Amino acid sequence: MAEISATMVRELRDSSGAPMMDCKKALDENAGDMTRATEWLRKKGIATAAKKAGRDAKEGLVFAYIHHNGRVGVLVEVDCETDFVAKTDPFKDFVKDVALHIASMNPRYLTRDEVPAELVAKEREIRAAQVDGKKPKEVQEKILEGGMAKFFAETCLLEQPFVKEDSKTIEQLRAETVGKVGENLIIRRFARYEIGV
């Protein structure tokens, strides 16, 4: 087993924002491999988020963001369980990242549940017409479902790839942040304004 130094633990903490003891455990569990330890922490954060999902979140922030060119503005409400967490840097950084993402990626809805049924039906109809009818039915259905998943990833905030790190979605970023702050977080609502649109 690799020797885990305090420097390694500090480096992992700085890069992940996770608590020191979790960083130490992640390095122990992964024989000192930083990449695997980071993945371990990310998975732990997602598991923690699932456990905390049902808890009330009645504190938080409403954050206003104006994009650098002054042509796009965003208001976003992100809720947490306590005012203590609402004042922490990881929470504030998450809220700012979500606002920046909304300004850049222009999601129309928060979740796929908010997308009007008639829009989903129309999109499904359009994508079904694009599928090659000569392929087997099960292949056609997989292609259609893949196309609909792409539509939701383009349209719904929680399913969009994070603008700063497209290997994870906004929902995965939220889950990781839940793991860091130890409380349930909910992106409650947002509004995006753009000059001339």
Protein backbone atom coordinates (compact mmCIF):
# COMPACT_ATOMS: atom_id res chain seq x y z
CA MET A 1 0.00 0.00 0.00
CA ALA A 2 1.27 3.48 -0.90
CA GLU A 3 2.31 5.89 1.82
CA ILE A 4 -0.29 8.69 2.03
CA SER A 5 1.38 11.98 2.94
CA ALA A 6 -0.25 15.10 4.37
CA THR A 7 0.76 16.90 1.18
CA MET A 8 -1.21 14.42 -0.93
CA VAL A 9 -4.27 14.83 1.31
CA ARG A 10 -3.99 18.65 1.13
CA GLU A 11 -3.59 18.53 -2.67
CA LEU A 12 -6.72 16.37 -3.03
CA ARG A 13 -8.63 18.64 -0.65
CA ASP A 14 -7.61 21.73 -2.63
CA SER A 15 -8.67 20.19 -5.92
CA SER A 16 -11.92 18.60 -4.70
CA GLY A 17 -13.10 20.79 -1.83
CA ALA A 18 -13.97 17.63 0.12
CA PRO A 19 -13.31 17.35 3.88
CA MET A 20 -9.77 16.28 4.92
CA MET A 21 -10.89 12.94 6.41
CA ASP A 22 -12.76 12.05 3.22
CA CYS A 23 -9.68 12.93 1.15
CA LYS A 24 -7.49 10.73 3.36
CA LYS A 25 -9.96 7.84 3.08
CA ALA A 26 -10.22 8.29 -0.71
CA LEU A 27 -6.43 8.11 -1.05
CA ASP A 28 -6.25 5.08 1.28
CA GLU A 29 -8.99 3.27 -0.67
CA ASN A 30 -7.24 3.97 -4.00
CA ALA A 31 -3.60 3.29 -3.07
CA GLY A 32 -2.62 6.96 -3.33
CA ASP A 33 -3.84 7.34 -6.94
CA MET A 34 -5.09 10.96 -7.22
CA THR A 35 -7.29 10.35 -10.26
CA ARG A 36 -9.05 7.34 -8.76
CA ALA A 37 -9.35 9.12 -5.39
CA THR A 38 -11.02 12.08 -7.11
CA GLU A 39 -13.49 9.74 -8.85
CA TRP A 40 -14.14 8.00 -5.51
CA LEU A 41 -14.97 11.37 -3.91
CA ARG A 42 -17.26 12.30 -6.80
CA LYS A 43 -19.15 9.02 -6.46
CA LYS A 44 -19.40 9.51 -2.69
CA GLY A 45 -20.83 13.00 -3.23
CA ILE A 46 -23.48 11.65 -5.59
CA ALA A 47 -24.42 8.91 -3.10
CA THR A 48 -24.62 11.50 -0.31
CA ALA A 49 -26.86 13.68 -2.48
CA ALA A 50 -29.30 10.81 -3.03
CA LYS A 51 -29.60 10.29 0.76
CA LYS A 52 -30.26 13.99 1.40
CA ALA A 53 -32.67 14.55 -1.50
CA GLY A 54 -35.86 14.46 0.57
CA ARG A 55 -34.76 17.01 3.16
CA ASP A 56 -36.28 20.51 3.23
CA ALA A 57 -34.22 23.33 1.77
CA LYS A 58 -35.65 26.67 2.86
CA GLU A 59 -32.51 28.81 3.06
CA GLY A 60 -30.17 29.81 0.27
CA LEU A 61 -29.43 32.60 -2.17
CA VAL A 62 -30.92 34.50 -5.04
CA PHE A 63 -27.97 35.45 -7.19
CA ALA A 64 -27.80 37.99 -10.02
CA TYR A 65 -25.19 37.54 -12.73
CA ILE A 66 -24.47 39.89 -15.63
CA HIS A 67 -22.34 38.34 -18.36
CA HIS A 68 -19.14 40.24 -19.21
CA ASN A 69 -20.59 41.81 -22.36
CA GLY A 70 -23.58 43.27 -20.47
CA ARG A 71 -26.02 41.74 -22.97
CA VAL A 72 -27.06 38.72 -20.87
CA GLY A 73 -28.29 38.66 -17.27
CA VAL A 74 -29.39 35.79 -15.03
CA LEU A 75 -31.30 35.52 -11.76
CA VAL A 76 -31.11 32.13 -10.07
CA GLU A 77 -32.46 30.83 -6.75
CA VAL A 78 -30.58 27.97 -5.11
CA ASP A 79 -31.84 26.68 -1.77
CA CYS A 80 -30.08 24.78 1.01
CA GLU A 81 -31.09 23.60 4.48
CA THR A 82 -29.38 26.19 6.71
CA ASP A 83 -28.26 29.80 6.52
CA PHE A 84 -24.83 28.62 7.70
CA VAL A 85 -24.27 26.63 4.48
CA ALA A 86 -25.69 29.50 2.39
CA LYS A 87 -22.73 31.60 3.60
CA THR A 88 -20.02 29.06 2.74
CA ASP A 89 -17.69 29.43 -0.23
CA PRO A 90 -18.50 26.02 -1.82
CA PHE A 91 -22.22 26.91 -1.84
CA LYS A 92 -21.63 30.42 -3.21
CA ASP A 93 -19.24 29.07 -5.85
CA PHE A 94 -21.86 26.52 -6.94
CA VAL A 95 -24.54 29.23 -7.26
CA LYS A 96 -22.18 31.43 -9.31
CA ASP A 97 -21.25 28.50 -11.55
CA VAL A 98 -24.92 27.71 -12.17
CA ALA A 99 -25.63 31.36 -13.05
CA LEU A 100 -22.64 31.50 -15.42
CA HIS A 101 -23.78 28.24 -17.02
CA ILE A 102 -27.33 29.57 -17.54
CA ALA A 103 -25.94 32.73 -19.16
CA SER A 104 -23.73 30.70 -21.49
CA MET A 105 -25.92 27.71 -22.37
CA ASN A 106 -29.43 29.24 -22.33
CA PRO A 107 -31.48 26.35 -20.91
CA ARG A 108 -35.22 26.80 -21.38
CA TYR A 109 -36.41 24.57 -18.53
CA LEU A 110 -35.07 23.35 -15.20
CA THR A 111 -36.08 19.67 -15.60
CA ARG A 112 -37.67 17.53 -18.28
CA ASP A 113 -40.87 17.48 -16.20
CA GLU A 114 -41.27 21.21 -16.94
CA VAL A 115 -41.10 20.78 -20.72
CA PRO A 116 -44.67 21.11 -22.09
CA ALA A 117 -46.10 17.77 -23.26
CA GLU A 118 -47.00 19.22 -26.68
CA LEU A 119 -43.37 20.32 -27.23
CA VAL A 120 -42.10 16.84 -26.28
CA ALA A 121 -44.65 15.22 -28.62
CA LYS A 122 -43.68 17.56 -31.49
CA GLU A 123 -39.95 16.94 -30.93
CA ARG A 124 -40.55 13.17 -30.81
CA GLU A 125 -42.51 13.39 -34.08
CA ILE A 126 -39.72 15.37 -35.80
CA ARG A 127 -36.99 13.02 -34.58
CA ALA A 128 -39.04 9.91 -35.50
CA ALA A 129 -39.34 11.24 -39.07
CA GLN A 130 -35.52 11.48 -39.25
CA VAL A 131 -34.98 7.81 -38.28
CA ASP A 132 -34.25 5.41 -41.15
CA GLY A 133 -37.37 3.24 -41.48
CA LYS A 134 -35.36 0.36 -42.97
CA LYS A 135 -33.63 -0.37 -39.68
CA PRO A 136 -35.08 -2.92 -37.22
CA LYS A 137 -37.80 -1.53 -34.93
CA GLU A 138 -35.68 -1.88 -31.75
CA VAL A 139 -32.81 0.03 -33.41
CA GLN A 140 -35.22 2.75 -34.57
CA GLU A 141 -36.54 3.06 -31.00
CA LYS A 142 -33.00 3.33 -29.56
CA ILE A 143 -32.11 6.03 -32.09
CA LEU A 144 -35.31 7.92 -31.23
CA GLU A 145 -34.66 7.67 -27.47
CA GLY A 146 -31.07 8.85 -28.02
CA GLY A 147 -32.37 11.82 -29.99
CA MET A 148 -34.86 12.69 -27.25
CA ALA A 149 -32.12 12.42 -24.59
CA LYS A 150 -30.06 14.88 -26.67
CA PHE A 151 -33.06 17.22 -26.89
CA PHE A 152 -33.49 17.19 -23.09
CA ALA A 153 -29.72 17.70 -22.59
CA GLU A 154 -29.90 20.81 -24.79
CA THR A 155 -33.11 22.15 -23.22
CA CYS A 156 -33.10 21.27 -19.49
CA LEU A 157 -30.64 22.88 -17.09
CA LEU A 158 -30.07 19.84 -14.85
CA GLU A 159 -29.27 17.60 -17.84
CA GLN A 160 -26.91 20.00 -19.63
CA PRO A 161 -23.16 19.32 -19.59
CA PHE A 162 -21.55 21.86 -17.24
CA VAL A 163 -20.02 24.66 -19.31
CA LYS A 164 -16.73 24.64 -17.32
CA GLU A 165 -16.36 20.83 -17.26
CA ASP A 166 -18.48 19.03 -19.83
CA SER A 167 -17.68 15.58 -18.42
CA LYS A 168 -20.43 16.18 -15.83
CA THR A 169 -23.95 17.54 -15.93
CA ILE A 170 -25.35 20.32 -13.76
CA GLU A 171 -27.17 17.63 -11.77
CA GLN A 172 -23.87 15.83 -11.14
CA LEU A 173 -22.27 19.13 -10.11
CA ARG A 174 -25.18 19.71 -7.71
CA ALA A 175 -24.77 16.22 -6.25
CA GLU A 176 -21.03 16.73 -5.75
CA THR A 177 -21.69 20.03 -4.00
CA VAL A 178 -24.21 18.30 -1.71
CA GLY A 179 -21.37 15.93 -0.77
CA LYS A 180 -19.09 18.88 0.00
CA VAL A 181 -21.52 20.97 2.05
CA GLY A 182 -23.39 18.09 3.69
CA GLU A 183 -26.87 19.46 2.96
CA ASN A 184 -29.53 19.07 0.33
CA LEU A 185 -29.34 21.73 -2.41
CA ILE A 186 -32.14 22.59 -4.81
CA ILE A 187 -31.93 24.80 -7.87
CA ARG A 188 -35.41 26.23 -7.41
CA ARG A 189 -35.83 28.52 -10.44
CA PHE A 190 -34.05 30.83 -12.84
CA ALA A 191 -34.66 33.60 -15.34
CA ARG A 192 -32.36 34.58 -18.20
CA TYR A 193 -32.53 37.92 -19.99
CA GLU A 194 -30.79 38.74 -23.25
CA ILE A 195 -30.78 41.99 -25.21
CA GLY A 196 -32.84 41.74 -28.40
CA VAL A 197 -34.28 38.27 -27.75
